[in-house]
C-alpha atoms as a PDB file:
ATOM      1  CA  MET A   1     245.056  -5.076 -71.581  1.00  0.00           C
ATOM      2  CA  SER A   2     244.619  -7.654 -73.581  1.00  0.00           C
ATOM      3  CA  PHE A   3     243.126  -8.130 -76.698  1.00  0.00           C
ATOM      4  CA  TRP A   4     239.722  -9.967 -75.152  1.00  0.00           C
ATOM      5  CA  ASP A   5     239.653  -7.612 -72.371  1.00  0.00           C
ATOM      6  CA  LYS A   6     239.204  -4.761 -74.959  1.00  0.00           C
ATOM      7  CA  VAL A   7     236.238  -6.336 -76.846  1.00  0.00           C
ATOM      8  CA  LYS A   8     235.152  -6.997 -73.821  1.00  0.00           C
ATOM      9  CA  SER A   9     235.132  -3.055 -71.794  1.00  0.00           C
ATOM     10  CA  PHE A  10     233.971  -2.103 -75.859  1.00  0.00           C
ATOM     11  CA  THR A  11     230.789  -4.676 -75.565  1.00  0.00           C
ATOM     12  CA  GLN A  12     229.813  -4.088 -71.973  1.00  0.00           C
ATOM     13  CA  SER A  13     229.919   0.194 -72.819  1.00  0.00           C
ATOM     14  CA  ALA A  14     227.968  -0.537 -76.619  1.00  0.00           C
ATOM     15  CA  LYS A  15     224.688  -2.206 -74.057  1.00  0.00           C
ATOM     16  CA  CYS A  16     224.663   0.860 -71.575  1.00  0.00           C
ATOM     17  CA  THR A  17     224.526   3.061 -74.562  1.00  0.00           C
ATOM     18  CA  VAL A  18     221.783   1.213 -75.474  1.00  0.00           C
ATOM     19  CA  GLY A  19     219.828   0.787 -71.955  1.00  0.00           C
ATOM     20  CA  LEU A  20     220.642  -3.142 -71.721  1.00  0.00           C
ATOM     21  CA  HIS A  21     222.843  -1.548 -68.030  1.00  0.00           C
ATOM     22  CA  GLY A  22     223.541  -4.677 -65.875  1.00  0.00           C
ATOM     23  CA  GLY A  23     223.090  -5.217 -61.565  1.00  0.00           C
ATOM     24  CA  GLU A  24     220.720  -5.607 -59.760  1.00  0.00           C
ATOM     25  CA  TYR A  25     217.523  -3.375 -59.121  1.00  0.00           C
ATOM     26  CA  ALA A  26     216.980  -3.194 -55.510  1.00  0.00           C
ATOM     27  CA  HIS A  27     214.821  -1.348 -53.077  1.00  0.00           C
ATOM     28  CA  ILE A  28     215.599   1.949 -52.358  1.00  0.00           C
ATOM     29  CA  ASP A  29     215.746   2.836 -48.926  1.00  0.00           C
ATOM     30  CA  GLY A  30     213.474   5.285 -47.108  1.00  0.00           C
ATOM     31  CA  LYS A  31     210.552   5.374 -50.061  1.00  0.00           C
ATOM     32  CA  PRO A  32     208.423   2.636 -51.464  1.00  0.00           C
ATOM     33  CA  LYS A  33     208.946  -0.707 -51.772  1.00  0.00           C
ATOM     34  CA  CYS A  34     207.366   0.323 -55.702  1.00  0.00           C
ATOM     35  CA  HIS A  35     210.768   1.858 -56.143  1.00  0.00           C
ATOM     36  CA  LEU A  36     214.328   0.306 -57.056  1.00  0.00           C
ATOM     37  CA  GLY A  37     217.334   1.656 -57.790  1.00  0.00           C
ATOM     38  CA  LYS A  38     220.684   0.497 -59.034  1.00  0.00           C
ATOM     39  CA  THR A  39     224.169   1.605 -59.972  1.00  0.00           C
ATOM     40  CA  CYS A  40     225.320  -0.162 -63.156  1.00  0.00           C
ATOM     41  CA  PRO A  41     228.471  -2.113 -62.512  1.00  0.00           C
ATOM     42  CA  ASN A  42     229.485  -1.204 -65.751  1.00  0.00           C
ATOM     43  CA  CYS A  43     229.504   2.463 -66.013  1.00  0.00           C
ATOM     44  CA  ASN A  44     228.721   3.624 -63.426  1.00  0.00           C
ATOM     45  CA  ASP A  45     224.931   5.728 -63.670  1.00  0.00           C
ATOM     46  CA  TYR A  46     222.594   5.520 -60.970  1.00  0.00           C
ATOM     47  CA  LEU A  47     219.123   4.137 -61.839  1.00  0.00           C
ATOM     48  CA  THR A  48     216.066   4.012 -60.374  1.00  0.00           C
ATOM     49  CA  LYS A  49     212.569   2.652 -61.742  1.00  0.00           C
ATOM     50  CA  GLU A  50     208.709   2.332 -60.046  1.00  0.00           C
ATOM     51  CA  GLU A  51     207.612  -1.273 -60.016  1.00  0.00           C
ATOM     52  CA  HIS A  52     203.967  -0.670 -58.760  1.00  0.00           C
ATOM     53  CA  GLU A  53     201.461  -3.055 -57.247  1.00  0.00           C
ATOM     54  CA  PHE A  54     197.754  -2.047 -57.999  1.00  0.00           C
ATOM     55  CA  SER A  55     195.185  -2.765 -56.156  1.00  0.00           C
ATOM     56  CA  GLU A  56     191.708  -3.323 -58.316  1.00  0.00           C
ATOM     57  CA  TRP A  57     190.082  -1.456 -60.650  1.00  0.00           C
ATOM     58  CA  LEU A  58     187.291   0.106 -58.847  1.00  0.00           C
ATOM     59  CA  PHE A  59     184.943   2.917 -61.109  1.00  0.00           C
ATOM     60  CA  VAL A  60     184.350   6.235 -59.358  1.00  0.00           C
ATOM     61  CA  GLU A  61     181.161   6.777 -59.965  1.00  0.00           C
ATOM     62  CA  GLU A  62     178.049   4.913 -59.883  1.00  0.00           C
ATOM     63  CA  GLY A  63     176.775   5.272 -63.776  1.00  0.00           C
ATOM     64  CA  ASP A  64     180.333   6.764 -65.061  1.00  0.00           C
ATOM     65  CA  CYS A  65     183.113   4.068 -66.736  1.00  0.00           C
ATOM     66  CA  THR A  66     185.605   5.912 -65.182  1.00  0.00           C
ATOM     67  CA  VAL A  67     187.818   2.770 -63.377  1.00  0.00           C
ATOM     68  CA  ARG A  68     190.457   4.318 -60.590  1.00  0.00           C
ATOM     69  CA  ARG A  69     193.604   1.739 -59.069  1.00  0.00           C
ATOM     70  CA  GLU A  70     196.230   2.981 -56.792  1.00  0.00           C
ATOM     71  CA  CYS A  71     199.605   1.264 -55.356  1.00  0.00           C
ATOM     72  CA  VAL A  72     199.454  -0.569 -52.133  1.00  0.00           C
ATOM     73  CA  PHE A  73     202.859   0.956 -51.204  1.00  0.00           C
ATOM     74  CA  CYS A  74     202.729   4.368 -52.593  1.00  0.00           C
ATOM     75  CA  GLY A  75     199.350   5.808 -53.616  1.00  0.00           C
ATOM     76  CA  HIS A  76     200.173   6.195 -57.033  1.00  0.00           C
ATOM     77  CA  ASP A  77     196.770   5.752 -59.116  1.00  0.00           C
ATOM     78  CA  GLU A  78     196.099   5.272 -62.562  1.00  0.00           C
ATOM     79  CA  HIS A  79     192.290   6.257 -64.263  1.00  0.00           C
ATOM     80  CA  ASP A  80     190.675   4.783 -67.584  1.00  0.00           C
ATOM     81  CA  VAL A  81     188.118   3.953 -69.071  1.00  0.00           C
ATOM     82  CA  LYS A  82     185.782   0.552 -68.690  1.00  0.00           C
ATOM     83  CA  HIS A  83     182.885   0.263 -70.854  1.00  0.00           C
ATOM     84  CA  ASN A  84     180.251  -3.249 -70.466  1.00  0.00           C
ATOM     85  CA  HIS A  85     179.244  -2.708 -74.428  1.00  0.00           C
ATOM     86  CA  GLU A  86     176.158  -5.234 -75.528  1.00  0.00           C
ATOM     87  CA  LYS A  87     174.220  -5.834 -78.357  1.00  0.00           C
ATOM     88  CA  VAL A  88     171.081  -3.487 -78.812  1.00  0.00           C
ATOM     89  CA  ALA A  89     170.560  -3.953 -82.334  1.00  0.00           C
ATOM     90  CA  LYS A  90     170.835  -4.406 -85.783  1.00  0.00           C
ATOM     91  CA  ASP A  91     171.206  -1.953 -88.942  1.00  0.00           C
ATOM     92  CA  LEU A  92     169.507  -5.066 -91.680  1.00  0.00           C
ATOM     93  CA  ASN A  93     170.307  -3.037 -94.781  1.00  0.00           C
ATOM     94  CA  ASN A  94     173.905  -3.568 -93.303  1.00  0.00           C
ATOM     95  CA  CYS A  95     174.638  -5.969 -90.526  1.00  0.00           C
ATOM     96  CA  GLU A  96     176.526  -4.007 -88.516  1.00  0.00           C
ATOM     97  CA  VAL A  97     175.400  -4.560 -84.566  1.00  0.00           C
ATOM     98  CA  LEU A  98     174.383  -1.510 -82.591  1.00  0.00           C
ATOM     99  CA  LEU A  99     176.623  -1.597 -79.548  1.00  0.00           C
ATOM    100  CA  CYS A 100     175.393   0.128 -75.943  1.00  0.00           C
ATOM    101  CA  CYS A 101     176.878   0.043 -72.411  1.00  0.00           C
ATOM    102  CA  ARG A 102     174.722  -0.968 -69.735  1.00  0.00           C
ATOM    103  CA  ARG A 103     176.586   1.490 -66.938  1.00  0.00           C
ATOM    104  CA  CYS A 104     176.792   5.288 -68.960  1.00  0.00           C
ATOM    105  CA  GLY A 105     174.498   4.344 -71.783  1.00  0.00           C
ATOM    106  CA  ASP A 106     177.893   5.112 -74.835  1.00  0.00           C
ATOM    107  CA  GLU A 107     177.028   3.629 -77.824  1.00  0.00           C
ATOM    108  CA  LYS A 108     178.783   2.904 -80.613  1.00  0.00           C
ATOM    109  CA  VAL A 109     179.077   0.958 -84.051  1.00  0.00           C
ATOM    110  CA  GLY A 110     180.275  -3.146 -83.804  1.00  0.00           C
ATOM    111  CA  PRO A 111     181.681  -5.543 -86.505  1.00  0.00           C
ATOM    112  CA  ALA A 112     178.871  -6.363 -89.289  1.00  0.00           C
ATOM    113  CA  GLU A 113     177.057  -9.925 -88.367  1.00  0.00           C
ATOM    114  CA  HIS A 114     176.045 -11.509 -91.351  1.00  0.00           C
ATOM    115  CA  GLU A 115     174.373 -14.709 -92.454  1.00  0.00           C
ATOM    116  CA  TRP A 116     175.724 -16.100 -94.746  1.00  0.00           C
ATOM    117  CA  VAL A 117     173.958 -18.920 -97.077  1.00  0.00           C
ATOM    118  CA  GLU A 118     176.529 -20.637 -99.391  1.00  0.00           C
ATOM    119  CA  GLN A 119     175.351 -19.708-103.379  1.00  0.00           C
ATOM    120  CA  PRO A 120     174.178 -22.286-105.607  1.00  0.00           C
ATOM    121  CA  GLN A 121     176.231 -22.424-108.503  1.00  0.00           C
ATOM    122  CA  THR A 122     174.997 -22.973-112.253  1.00  0.00           C
ATOM    123  CA  GLN A 123     175.625 -23.941-115.461  1.00  0.00           C
ATOM    124  CA  CYS A 124     175.925 -20.870-116.768  1.00  0.00           C
ATOM    125  CA  THR A 125     178.685 -19.549-114.378  1.00  0.00           C
ATOM    126  CA  PRO A 126     182.455 -20.995-114.613  1.00  0.00           C
ATOM    127  CA  ASP A 127     182.931 -22.997-111.016  1.00  0.00           C
ATOM    128  CA  ASN A 128     185.954 -20.648-110.682  1.00  0.00           C
ATOM    129  CA  ASP A 129     183.826 -17.416-110.207  1.00  0.00           C
ATOM    130  CA  SER A 130     180.845 -19.316-108.106  1.00  0.00           C
ATOM    131  CA  ALA A 131     182.883 -21.274-105.820  1.00  0.00           C
ATOM    132  CA  ASN A 132     183.061 -20.674-102.549  1.00  0.00           C
ATOM    133  CA  LYS A 133     179.864 -16.981-103.212  1.00  0.00           C
ATOM    134  CA  LYS A 134     177.959 -16.367 -99.731  1.00  0.00           C
ATOM    135  CA  GLN A 135     175.710 -14.289 -99.359  1.00  0.00           C
ATOM    136  CA  CYS A 136     174.298 -12.510 -96.236  1.00  0.00           C
ATOM    137  CA  LYS A 137     170.572 -13.447 -96.294  1.00  0.00           C
ATOM    138  CA  VAL A 138     170.057 -10.485 -94.642  1.00  0.00           C
ATOM    139  CA  CYS A 139     171.743  -7.516 -96.509  1.00  0.00           C
ATOM    140  CA  GLY A 140     172.996  -9.101 -99.621  1.00  0.00           C
ATOM    141  CA  ILE A 141     176.688  -8.331 -99.637  1.00  0.00           C
ATOM    142  CA  THR A 142     178.404 -11.365-101.461  1.00  0.00           C
ATOM    143  CA  ASN A 143     181.194 -12.777 -99.995  1.00  0.00           C
END
């Protein structure tokens, strides 16, 4: 075996060791279309994977934000929670926004919504202390 053949063999072996196998995945006969397999030409390992094609997310029941979708080939399903939060109130002490899900009523605190105004510079403060300072006219915090 020549030097370059040894380098090539070592490189291919190293790739397989870290999970970078060669070859192309193809549908496995007798299984749903989302089940794929291949034999690595470098190490001869047989590898499988699933590549599901999912339907749209659908809500499980009225008034609940649990959603479900399933693979169109094998029926494998996934669940998640998809809230539809909207602003319902604002705390005037710190400008935090209260969000409520229109579907299930879940509440959470959203990001603060300040109403910034530029602070005027005075002759008594150096320019670098008050330059570009803003203050929220609702809660008084400065930035």
